[in-house]
Amino acid sequence: MLKNTIKFTKMNGLGNDFIIVDGKDVSEKQLNYGELAKKMCDRNFGIGADGLIIINPTDVKANTDITWRIFNSDGTEPQMCGNGIRCFAKYVYEKGIINKKKFTVWTLAGIITPEILDNGEVKVDMGKPILEAKLVPVLVEELDCVINYPLEINGKEFNITAVSMGNPHCVIFTEEDSFSLAREFGPKIETHPMFPEKTNVEFVKVLSRNNIKIDVWERGCGITLACGTGACASTVAAILNDLTDDTVKADLPGGSLTIEWNKETPDSSVFMTGKSEFVFEGEYYL
């Protein structure tokens, strides 16, 4: 490796792209991960990506098969990222860092279990969705859960459903242009005072009992081609509102994910299945 460089791999999950680096090359004692993410993810002056993933960061010790940290392009650290965890899982398996197809990963959202399928896709046990308002978190004192709740933004009323998949989501069902709504109202809802940790925002069209279309304003990133946790949260919200069955094809601008959740089973996990792809490798000059 050249002096003052970091080896990296670029991957994407449905167009949601990530830079992956090894923790042994980027100790946070020497480099601030958030600042490094902003520089490396910059699409004009850096490599360009929605986020930076650190494999086995030296500051994390956990009783799991492997650990990670992930940072958004603005330098913030989310609790989870569905597309990111699929890219991470495929990377560590294909590179021989993990030698089994199903393994556990430490994340800020808890232990996540991905599985490499025979067709190359990655199926991830994303854990149980969090619906309790104070844990999402969303500040609506009179309700335990926020389902189909009215919220007014700049004179326009939306009905929101709040779900956490380890990170907060505000899901809105609409028959209007979902992309235009995400672009216009996404940043206003992300920073609304009722979301003390900000929120991801999904505008969703229900196409059938087994198919939804989603446009996402991602917390810390803005408009993205895909959001795995957003697809999970949108599916959970659709099931809670009796708009879909328990297995759903979630269409995002970058591609589709299969999401499964059985609300009738106590402590049922959400399962997400989809593709992740290698793009290129290189060295980044510090």
C-alpha atoms as a PDB file:
ATOM      1  CA  MET A   1       0.000   0.000   0.000  1.00  0.00           C
ATOM      2  CA  LEU A   2       1.268   3.459  -0.862  1.00  0.00           C
ATOM      3  CA  LYS A   3       2.184   5.782   1.995  1.00  0.00           C
ATOM      4  CA  ASN A   4      -0.797   7.722   3.436  1.00  0.00           C
ATOM      5  CA  THR A   5      -3.415   5.776   1.508  1.00  0.00           C
ATOM      6  CA  ILE A   6      -6.336   3.531   2.478  1.00  0.00           C
ATOM      7  CA  LYS A   7      -7.378   0.483   0.485  1.00  0.00           C
ATOM      8  CA  PHE A   8     -11.110   0.503  -0.221  1.00  0.00           C
ATOM      9  CA  THR A   9     -13.844  -1.368  -2.062  1.00  0.00           C
ATOM     10  CA  LYS A  10     -16.884   0.297  -3.594  1.00  0.00           C
ATOM     11  CA  MET A  11     -20.150  -1.690  -3.470  1.00  0.00           C
ATOM     12  CA  ASN A  12     -23.813  -0.976  -4.039  1.00  0.00           C
ATOM     13  CA  GLY A  13     -27.131  -2.404  -2.926  1.00  0.00           C
ATOM     14  CA  LEU A  14     -29.777  -1.381  -5.478  1.00  0.00           C
ATOM     15  CA  GLY A  15     -27.771   1.745  -6.267  1.00  0.00           C
ATOM     16  CA  ASN A  16     -27.363   2.722  -2.600  1.00  0.00           C
ATOM     17  CA  ASP A  17     -23.557   2.847  -2.672  1.00  0.00           C
ATOM     18  CA  PHE A  18     -20.923   2.351   0.002  1.00  0.00           C
ATOM     19  CA  ILE A  19     -17.179   2.537   0.522  1.00  0.00           C
ATOM     20  CA  ILE A  20     -15.857  -0.393   2.559  1.00  0.00           C
ATOM     21  CA  VAL A  21     -12.551  -0.271   4.427  1.00  0.00           C
ATOM     22  CA  ASP A  22     -10.823  -2.556   6.934  1.00  0.00           C
ATOM     23  CA  GLY A  23     -10.710  -1.364  10.535  1.00  0.00           C
ATOM     24  CA  LYS A  24      -7.047  -2.261  10.859  1.00  0.00           C
ATOM     25  CA  ASP A  25      -6.277   0.392   8.235  1.00  0.00           C
ATOM     26  CA  VAL A  26      -8.394   3.144   9.805  1.00  0.00           C
ATOM     27  CA  SER A  27      -8.036   3.315  13.580  1.00  0.00           C
ATOM     28  CA  GLU A  28     -10.250   6.079  14.980  1.00  0.00           C
ATOM     29  CA  LYS A  29      -7.371   7.016  17.272  1.00  0.00           C
ATOM     30  CA  GLN A  30      -5.705   8.383  14.131  1.00  0.00           C
ATOM     31  CA  LEU A  31      -8.694   9.248  11.913  1.00  0.00           C
ATOM     32  CA  ASN A  32     -12.114  10.621  12.813  1.00  0.00           C
ATOM     33  CA  TYR A  33     -14.550   8.281  11.076  1.00  0.00           C
ATOM     34  CA  GLY A  34     -17.233  10.924  10.576  1.00  0.00           C
ATOM     35  CA  GLU A  35     -14.810  13.374   8.944  1.00  0.00           C
ATOM     36  CA  LEU A  36     -13.297  10.577   6.863  1.00  0.00           C
ATOM     37  CA  ALA A  37     -16.784   9.599   5.645  1.00  0.00           C
ATOM     38  CA  LYS A  38     -17.521  13.169   4.522  1.00  0.00           C
ATOM     39  CA  LYS A  39     -14.282  13.315   2.539  1.00  0.00           C
ATOM     40  CA  MET A  40     -14.384   9.836   0.977  1.00  0.00           C
ATOM     41  CA  CYS A  41     -18.110   9.988   0.146  1.00  0.00           C
ATOM     42  CA  ASP A  42     -17.927  13.395  -1.539  1.00  0.00           C
ATOM     43  CA  ARG A  43     -18.969  12.848  -5.175  1.00  0.00           C
ATOM     44  CA  ASN A  44     -16.856  15.701  -6.483  1.00  0.00           C
ATOM     45  CA  PHE A  45     -13.685  15.619  -4.392  1.00  0.00           C
ATOM     46  CA  GLY A  46     -13.740  12.047  -3.082  1.00  0.00           C
ATOM     47  CA  ILE A  47     -14.736   8.579  -4.242  1.00  0.00           C
ATOM     48  CA  GLY A  48     -18.462   9.249  -3.992  1.00  0.00           C
ATOM     49  CA  ALA A  49     -20.912   7.184  -1.938  1.00  0.00           C
ATOM     50  CA  ASP A  50     -23.925   7.302   0.353  1.00  0.00           C
ATOM     51  CA  GLY A  51     -21.904   5.913   3.250  1.00  0.00           C
ATOM     52  CA  LEU A  52     -18.640   4.571   4.654  1.00  0.00           C
ATOM     53  CA  ILE A  53     -18.486   1.106   6.254  1.00  0.00           C
ATOM     54  CA  ILE A  54     -15.703   0.102   8.646  1.00  0.00           C
ATOM     55  CA  ILE A  55     -15.098  -3.659   8.999  1.00  0.00           C
ATOM     56  CA  ASN A  56     -14.099  -4.788  12.498  1.00  0.00           C
ATOM     57  CA  PRO A  57     -13.372  -1.281  13.812  1.00  0.00           C
ATOM     58  CA  THR A  58     -10.731  -1.416  16.529  1.00  0.00           C
ATOM     59  CA  ASP A  59     -12.942   0.473  19.005  1.00  0.00           C
ATOM     60  CA  VAL A  60     -15.700  -2.190  19.014  1.00  0.00           C
ATOM     61  CA  LYS A  61     -15.458  -5.473  20.914  1.00  0.00           C
ATOM     62  CA  ALA A  62     -18.515  -7.724  20.871  1.00  0.00           C
ATOM     63  CA  ASN A  63     -19.521 -11.365  21.215  1.00  0.00           C
ATOM     64  CA  THR A  64     -20.523 -11.741  17.560  1.00  0.00           C
ATOM     65  CA  ASP A  65     -18.876 -13.227  14.479  1.00  0.00           C
ATOM     66  CA  ILE A  66     -17.923  -9.774  13.210  1.00  0.00           C
ATOM     67  CA  THR A  67     -18.499  -6.070  13.924  1.00  0.00           C
ATOM     68  CA  TRP A  68     -18.999  -2.928  11.866  1.00  0.00           C
ATOM     69  CA  ARG A  69     -19.601   0.784  12.000  1.00  0.00           C
ATOM     70  CA  ILE A  70     -21.307   2.792   9.268  1.00  0.00           C
ATOM     71  CA  PHE A  71     -21.328   6.531   8.601  1.00  0.00           C
ATOM     72  CA  ASN A  72     -23.552   8.567   6.315  1.00  0.00           C
ATOM     73  CA  SER A  73     -22.076  10.863   3.694  1.00  0.00           C
ATOM     74  CA  ASP A  74     -22.666  13.835   6.031  1.00  0.00           C
ATOM     75  CA  GLY A  75     -20.525  12.210   8.734  1.00  0.00           C
ATOM     76  CA  THR A  76     -23.377  11.114  11.012  1.00  0.00           C
ATOM     77  CA  GLU A  77     -23.559   7.544  12.322  1.00  0.00           C
ATOM     78  CA  PRO A  78     -26.918   5.766  11.845  1.00  0.00           C
ATOM     79  CA  GLN A  79     -27.956   2.816  13.976  1.00  0.00           C
ATOM     80  CA  MET A  80     -28.512   0.562  10.945  1.00  0.00           C
ATOM     81  CA  CYS A  81     -28.543   0.454   7.148  1.00  0.00           C
ATOM     82  CA  GLY A  82     -30.275  -2.378   5.318  1.00  0.00           C
ATOM     83  CA  ASN A  83     -28.535  -2.018   1.963  1.00  0.00           C
ATOM     84  CA  GLY A  84     -25.245  -1.421   3.732  1.00  0.00           C
ATOM     85  CA  ILE A  85     -25.497  -4.597   5.813  1.00  0.00           C
ATOM     86  CA  ARG A  86     -26.122  -6.669   2.664  1.00  0.00           C
ATOM     87  CA  CYS A  87     -23.034  -5.183   1.000  1.00  0.00           C
ATOM     88  CA  PHE A  88     -21.034  -5.712   4.183  1.00  0.00           C
ATOM     89  CA  ALA A  89     -22.203  -9.339   4.467  1.00  0.00           C
ATOM     90  CA  LYS A  90     -21.360 -10.193   0.871  1.00  0.00           C
ATOM     91  CA  TYR A  91     -17.968  -8.486   1.164  1.00  0.00           C
ATOM     92  CA  VAL A  92     -16.821 -10.302   4.307  1.00  0.00           C
ATOM     93  CA  TYR A  93     -18.004 -13.663   2.919  1.00  0.00           C
ATOM     94  CA  GLU A  94     -16.525 -13.246  -0.585  1.00  0.00           C
ATOM     95  CA  LYS A  95     -13.213 -11.965   0.839  1.00  0.00           C
ATOM     96  CA  GLY A  96     -12.954 -14.937   3.223  1.00  0.00           C
ATOM     97  CA  ILE A  97     -13.115 -12.802   6.365  1.00  0.00           C
ATOM     98  CA  ILE A  98     -16.129 -14.921   7.398  1.00  0.00           C
ATOM     99  CA  ASN A  99     -16.181 -18.557   6.284  1.00  0.00           C
ATOM    100  CA  LYS A 100     -19.837 -19.404   6.910  1.00  0.00           C
ATOM    101  CA  LYS A 101     -22.928 -18.277   5.011  1.00  0.00           C
ATOM    102  CA  LYS A 102     -24.958 -17.293   8.072  1.00  0.00           C
ATOM    103  CA  PHE A 103     -23.351 -15.196  10.777  1.00  0.00           C
ATOM    104  CA  THR A 104     -23.926 -12.508  13.391  1.00  0.00           C
ATOM    105  CA  VAL A 105     -22.964  -8.842  13.144  1.00  0.00           C
ATOM    106  CA  TRP A 106     -22.725  -6.302  15.968  1.00  0.00           C
ATOM    107  CA  THR A 107     -24.488  -3.035  15.091  1.00  0.00           C
ATOM    108  CA  LEU A 108     -25.763  -0.035  17.015  1.00  0.00           C
ATOM    109  CA  ALA A 109     -29.245  -1.470  16.422  1.00  0.00           C
ATOM    110  CA  GLY A 110     -28.321  -4.777  18.074  1.00  0.00           C
ATOM    111  CA  ILE A 111     -27.206  -8.109  16.648  1.00  0.00           C
ATOM    112  CA  ILE A 112     -28.144  -8.570  12.980  1.00  0.00           C
ATOM    113  CA  THR A 113     -27.970 -11.957  11.214  1.00  0.00           C
ATOM    114  CA  PRO A 114     -27.343 -11.996   7.440  1.00  0.00           C
ATOM    115  CA  GLU A 115     -27.278 -15.140   5.304  1.00  0.00           C
ATOM    116  CA  ILE A 116     -25.665 -15.574   1.880  1.00  0.00           C
ATOM    117  CA  LEU A 117     -28.117 -17.480  -0.322  1.00  0.00           C
ATOM    118  CA  ASP A 118     -27.143 -19.915  -3.063  1.00  0.00           C
ATOM    119  CA  ASN A 119     -28.250 -17.443  -5.755  1.00  0.00           C
ATOM    120  CA  GLY A 120     -25.847 -14.819  -4.403  1.00  0.00           C
ATOM    121  CA  GLU A 121     -28.521 -12.657  -2.801  1.00  0.00           C
ATOM    122  CA  VAL A 122     -28.351 -11.804   0.897  1.00  0.00           C
ATOM    123  CA  LYS A 123     -31.209 -12.501   3.309  1.00  0.00           C
ATOM    124  CA  VAL A 124     -31.035 -10.529   6.533  1.00  0.00           C
ATOM    125  CA  ASP A 125     -32.863 -11.071   9.799  1.00  0.00           C
ATOM    126  CA  MET A 126     -33.405  -7.387  10.603  1.00  0.00           C
ATOM    127  CA  GLY A 127     -34.881  -8.062  14.029  1.00  0.00           C
ATOM    128  CA  LYS A 128     -38.227  -7.092  15.483  1.00  0.00           C
ATOM    129  CA  PRO A 129     -39.680  -3.732  14.370  1.00  0.00           C
ATOM    130  CA  ILE A 130     -40.014  -1.152  17.133  1.00  0.00           C
ATOM    131  CA  LEU A 131     -43.437   0.463  17.253  1.00  0.00           C
ATOM    132  CA  GLU A 132     -43.527   2.051  20.710  1.00  0.00           C
ATOM    133  CA  ALA A 133     -43.541   5.802  20.101  1.00  0.00           C
ATOM    134  CA  LYS A 134     -41.007   6.735  22.758  1.00  0.00           C
ATOM    135  CA  LEU A 135     -38.562   4.145  21.410  1.00  0.00           C
ATOM    136  CA  VAL A 136     -38.850   5.048  17.700  1.00  0.00           C
ATOM    137  CA  PRO A 137     -38.533   7.871  18.925  1.00  0.00           C
ATOM    138  CA  VAL A 138     -41.463  10.111  17.998  1.00  0.00           C
ATOM    139  CA  LEU A 139     -42.967  12.659  20.358  1.00  0.00           C
ATOM    140  CA  VAL A 140     -46.708  11.996  20.434  1.00  0.00           C
ATOM    141  CA  GLU A 141     -47.573  11.871  24.123  1.00  0.00           C
ATOM    142  CA  GLU A 142     -51.166  10.666  23.822  1.00  0.00           C
ATOM    143  CA  LEU A 143     -50.299   7.519  21.826  1.00  0.00           C
ATOM    144  CA  ASP A 144     -48.286   4.370  22.533  1.00  0.00           C
ATOM    145  CA  CYS A 145     -47.876   3.732  18.787  1.00  0.00           C
ATOM    146  CA  VAL A 146     -48.125   6.176  15.889  1.00  0.00           C
ATOM    147  CA  ILE A 147     -50.195   4.556  13.141  1.00  0.00           C
ATOM    148  CA  ASN A 148     -52.012   6.627  10.500  1.00  0.00           C
ATOM    149  CA  TYR A 149     -51.518   9.769  12.585  1.00  0.00           C
ATOM    150  CA  PRO A 150     -52.169  13.227  11.033  1.00  0.00           C
ATOM    151  CA  LEU A 151     -49.191  15.548  10.583  1.00  0.00           C
ATOM    152  CA  GLU A 152     -49.388  18.947   8.915  1.00  0.00           C
ATOM    153  CA  ILE A 153     -46.390  20.318   7.026  1.00  0.00           C
ATOM    154  CA  ASN A 154     -46.609  23.738   5.361  1.00  0.00           C
ATOM    155  CA  GLY A 155     -50.397  23.538   5.141  1.00  0.00           C
ATOM    156  CA  LYS A 156     -50.430  19.977   3.705  1.00  0.00           C
ATOM    157  CA  GLU A 157     -51.670  17.113   5.872  1.00  0.00           C
ATOM    158  CA  PHE A 158     -50.122  13.656   5.805  1.00  0.00           C
ATOM    159  CA  ASN A 159     -51.047  10.530   7.754  1.00  0.00           C
ATOM    160  CA  ILE A 160     -47.867   9.041   9.169  1.00  0.00           C
ATOM    161  CA  THR A 161     -46.892   5.679  10.634  1.00  0.00           C
ATOM    162  CA  ALA A 162     -43.736   5.648  12.756  1.00  0.00           C
ATOM    163  CA  VAL A 163     -41.544   2.528  12.797  1.00  0.00           C
ATOM    164  CA  SER A 164     -37.997   1.928  13.963  1.00  0.00           C
ATOM    165  CA  MET A 165     -35.812  -0.744  12.399  1.00  0.00           C
ATOM    166  CA  GLY A 166     -33.044   0.248  14.780  1.00  0.00           C
ATOM    167  CA  ASN A 167     -33.280   3.675  13.109  1.00  0.00           C
ATOM    168  CA  PRO A 168     -36.401   5.879  12.927  1.00  0.00           C
ATOM    169  CA  HIS A 169     -38.765   5.949   9.941  1.00  0.00           C
ATOM    170  CA  CYS A 170     -41.807   8.022   9.071  1.00  0.00           C
ATOM    171  CA  VAL A 171     -43.935   6.184   6.492  1.00  0.00           C
ATOM    172  CA  ILE A 172     -46.574   8.000   4.441  1.00  0.00           C
ATOM    173  CA  PHE A 173     -48.960   6.302   2.004  1.00  0.00           C
ATOM    174  CA  THR A 174     -49.964   8.384  -0.998  1.00  0.00           C
ATOM    175  CA  GLU A 175     -51.504   8.251  -4.476  1.00  0.00           C
ATOM    176  CA  GLU A 176     -49.604  11.387  -5.540  1.00  0.00           C
ATOM    177  CA  ASP A 177     -46.140  11.610  -7.133  1.00  0.00           C
ATOM    178  CA  SER A 178     -44.111   9.960  -4.366  1.00  0.00           C
ATOM    179  CA  PHE A 179     -40.745  11.189  -5.660  1.00  0.00           C
ATOM    180  CA  SER A 180     -41.842  14.812  -5.778  1.00  0.00           C
ATOM    181  CA  LEU A 181     -43.265  14.521  -2.268  1.00  0.00           C
ATOM    182  CA  ALA A 182     -40.032  12.964  -0.964  1.00  0.00           C
ATOM    183  CA  ARG A 183     -37.939  15.715  -2.502  1.00  0.00           C
ATOM    184  CA  GLU A 184     -40.171  18.549  -1.280  1.00  0.00           C
ATOM    185  CA  PHE A 185     -41.324  17.349   2.122  1.00  0.00           C
ATOM    186  CA  GLY A 186     -38.637  14.803   3.053  1.00  0.00           C
ATOM    187  CA  PRO A 187     -36.185  17.350   4.529  1.00  0.00           C
ATOM    188  CA  LYS A 188     -38.978  19.145   6.410  1.00  0.00           C
ATOM    189  CA  ILE A 189     -40.234  15.936   8.001  1.00  0.00           C
ATOM    190  CA  GLU A 190     -36.702  14.639   8.691  1.00  0.00           C
ATOM    191  CA  THR A 191     -36.026  17.631  10.934  1.00  0.00           C
ATOM    192  CA  HIS A 192     -39.540  18.041  12.384  1.00  0.00           C
ATOM    193  CA  PRO A 193     -39.482  18.587  16.185  1.00  0.00           C
ATOM    194  CA  MET A 194     -41.627  15.503  16.783  1.00  0.00           C
ATOM    195  CA  PHE A 195     -38.596  13.396  15.727  1.00  0.00           C
ATOM    196  CA  PRO A 196     -35.892  14.146  18.336  1.00  0.00           C
ATOM    197  CA  GLU A 197     -33.282  12.027  16.505  1.00  0.00           C
ATOM    198  CA  LYS A 198     -34.523  13.187  13.084  1.00  0.00           C
ATOM    199  CA  THR A 199     -36.068  10.525  10.848  1.00  0.00           C
ATOM    200  CA  ASN A 200     -35.941   8.760   7.518  1.00  0.00           C
ATOM    201  CA  VAL A 201     -39.022   9.482   5.413  1.00  0.00           C
ATOM    202  CA  GLU A 202     -40.748   7.092   3.008  1.00  0.00           C
ATOM    203  CA  PHE A 203     -43.528   8.017   0.581  1.00  0.00           C
ATOM    204  CA  VAL A 204     -45.254   4.800  -0.469  1.00  0.00           C
ATOM    205  CA  LYS A 205     -47.697   3.797  -3.187  1.00  0.00           C
ATOM    206  CA  VAL A 206     -49.548   0.508  -2.658  1.00  0.00           C
ATOM    207  CA  LEU A 207     -49.689  -1.270  -6.021  1.00  0.00           C
ATOM    208  CA  SER A 208     -51.255  -4.528  -4.752  1.00  0.00           C
ATOM    209  CA  ARG A 209     -51.493  -6.684  -1.640  1.00  0.00           C
ATOM    210  CA  ASN A 210     -47.966  -7.928  -2.393  1.00  0.00           C
ATOM    211  CA  ASN A 211     -46.288  -4.947  -4.057  1.00  0.00           C
ATOM    212  CA  ILE A 212     -45.415  -1.416  -2.964  1.00  0.00           C
ATOM    213  CA  LYS A 213     -43.418   1.418  -4.555  1.00  0.00           C
ATOM    214  CA  ILE A 214     -41.227   3.572  -2.298  1.00  0.00           C
ATOM    215  CA  ASP A 215     -39.378   6.868  -2.633  1.00  0.00           C
ATOM    216  CA  VAL A 216     -37.052   7.687   0.240  1.00  0.00           C
ATOM    217  CA  TRP A 217     -35.624  10.773   1.854  1.00  0.00           C
ATOM    218  CA  GLU A 218     -32.834   9.222   3.911  1.00  0.00           C
ATOM    219  CA  ARG A 219     -31.726  10.846   7.143  1.00  0.00           C
ATOM    220  CA  GLY A 220     -28.233  12.208   6.671  1.00  0.00           C
ATOM    221  CA  CYS A 221     -28.167  11.472   2.916  1.00  0.00           C
ATOM    222  CA  GLY A 222     -31.230  12.968   1.234  1.00  0.00           C
ATOM    223  CA  ILE A 223     -32.803  11.310  -1.811  1.00  0.00           C
ATOM    224  CA  THR A 224     -31.295   7.856  -2.347  1.00  0.00           C
ATOM    225  CA  LEU A 225     -31.945   5.107  -4.878  1.00  0.00           C
ATOM    226  CA  ALA A 226     -32.774   2.607  -2.151  1.00  0.00           C
ATOM    227  CA  CYS A 227     -33.049   2.169   1.613  1.00  0.00           C
ATOM    228  CA  GLY A 228     -33.207  -1.323   3.074  1.00  0.00           C
ATOM    229  CA  THR A 229     -34.465  -0.339   6.516  1.00  0.00           C
ATOM    230  CA  GLY A 230     -36.908   2.009   4.758  1.00  0.00           C
ATOM    231  CA  ALA A 231     -38.295  -0.893   2.726  1.00  0.00           C
ATOM    232  CA  CYS A 232     -38.661  -2.917   5.934  1.00  0.00           C
ATOM    233  CA  ALA A 233     -40.354  -0.063   7.797  1.00  0.00           C
ATOM    234  CA  SER A 234     -42.665   0.653   4.844  1.00  0.00           C
ATOM    235  CA  THR A 235     -43.730  -2.983   4.669  1.00  0.00           C
ATOM    236  CA  VAL A 236     -44.376  -3.126   8.417  1.00  0.00           C
ATOM    237  CA  ALA A 237     -46.418   0.077   8.155  1.00  0.00           C
ATOM    238  CA  ALA A 238     -48.398  -1.300   5.192  1.00  0.00           C
ATOM    239  CA  ILE A 239     -49.207  -4.479   7.118  1.00  0.00           C
ATOM    240  CA  LEU A 240     -50.183  -2.520  10.224  1.00  0.00           C
ATOM    241  CA  ASN A 241     -52.560  -0.415   8.106  1.00  0.00           C
ATOM    242  CA  ASP A 242     -53.949  -3.600   6.452  1.00  0.00           C
ATOM    243  CA  LEU A 243     -52.794  -2.473   3.016  1.00  0.00           C
ATOM    244  CA  THR A 244     -50.690  -5.552   2.148  1.00  0.00           C
ATOM    245  CA  ASP A 245     -50.121  -9.192   3.041  1.00  0.00           C
ATOM    246  CA  ASP A 246     -47.072 -10.327   5.014  1.00  0.00           C
ATOM    247  CA  THR A 247     -44.719 -10.912   2.047  1.00  0.00           C
ATOM    248  CA  VAL A 248     -44.136  -7.846  -0.085  1.00  0.00           C
ATOM    249  CA  LYS A 249     -42.067  -6.904  -3.117  1.00  0.00           C
ATOM    250  CA  ALA A 250     -40.778  -3.413  -2.349  1.00  0.00           C
ATOM    251  CA  ASP A 251     -39.858  -1.465  -5.494  1.00  0.00           C
ATOM    252  CA  LEU A 252     -37.337   1.347  -5.060  1.00  0.00           C
ATOM    253  CA  PRO A 253     -35.709   3.504  -7.751  1.00  0.00           C
ATOM    254  CA  GLY A 254     -32.590   1.297  -7.673  1.00  0.00           C
ATOM    255  CA  GLY A 255     -34.350  -2.081  -7.706  1.00  0.00           C
ATOM    256  CA  SER A 256     -36.516  -4.385  -5.616  1.00  0.00           C
ATOM    257  CA  LEU A 257     -36.330  -6.107  -2.244  1.00  0.00           C
ATOM    258  CA  THR A 258     -38.449  -8.906  -0.807  1.00  0.00           C
ATOM    259  CA  ILE A 259     -39.644  -8.083   2.712  1.00  0.00           C
ATOM    260  CA  GLU A 260     -41.408 -10.529   5.051  1.00  0.00           C
ATOM    261  CA  TRP A 261     -43.065  -9.878   8.420  1.00  0.00           C
ATOM    262  CA  ASN A 262     -45.699 -11.858  10.327  1.00  0.00           C
ATOM    263  CA  LYS A 263     -47.381  -9.454  12.741  1.00  0.00           C
ATOM    264  CA  GLU A 264     -49.435 -12.297  14.264  1.00  0.00           C
ATOM    265  CA  THR A 265     -46.316 -14.001  15.652  1.00  0.00           C
ATOM    266  CA  PRO A 266     -44.964 -12.459  18.876  1.00  0.00           C
ATOM    267  CA  ASP A 267     -41.443 -11.072  18.506  1.00  0.00           C
ATOM    268  CA  SER A 268     -41.476 -11.809  14.766  1.00  0.00           C
ATOM    269  CA  SER A 269     -38.431 -10.511  12.904  1.00  0.00           C
ATOM    270  CA  VAL A 270     -38.523  -8.658   9.615  1.00  0.00           C
ATOM    271  CA  PHE A 271     -36.628 -10.467   6.852  1.00  0.00           C
ATOM    272  CA  MET A 272     -35.107  -8.576   3.925  1.00  0.00           C
ATOM    273  CA  THR A 273     -33.746 -10.287   0.792  1.00  0.00           C
ATOM    274  CA  GLY A 274     -31.952  -8.573  -2.075  1.00  0.00           C
ATOM    275  CA  LYS A 275     -28.849  -8.104  -4.182  1.00  0.00           C
ATOM    276  CA  SER A 276     -25.530  -6.436  -3.435  1.00  0.00           C
ATOM    277  CA  GLU A 277     -22.734  -5.917  -5.947  1.00  0.00           C
ATOM    278  CA  PHE A 278     -19.024  -5.130  -6.131  1.00  0.00           C
ATOM    279  CA  VAL A 279     -18.203  -2.024  -8.198  1.00  0.00           C
ATOM    280  CA  PHE A 280     -14.456  -1.389  -7.974  1.00  0.00           C
ATOM    281  CA  GLU A 281     -11.429  -1.359  -5.652  1.00  0.00           C
ATOM    282  CA  GLY A 282      -8.647   1.147  -5.162  1.00  0.00           C
ATOM    283  CA  GLU A 283      -6.546   3.262  -2.834  1.00  0.00           C
ATOM    284  CA  TYR A 284      -7.608   6.588  -1.391  1.00  0.00           C
ATOM    285  CA  TYR A 285      -5.016   9.278  -0.689  1.00  0.00           C
ATOM    286  CA  LEU A 286      -5.349  10.853   2.727  1.00  0.00           C
END
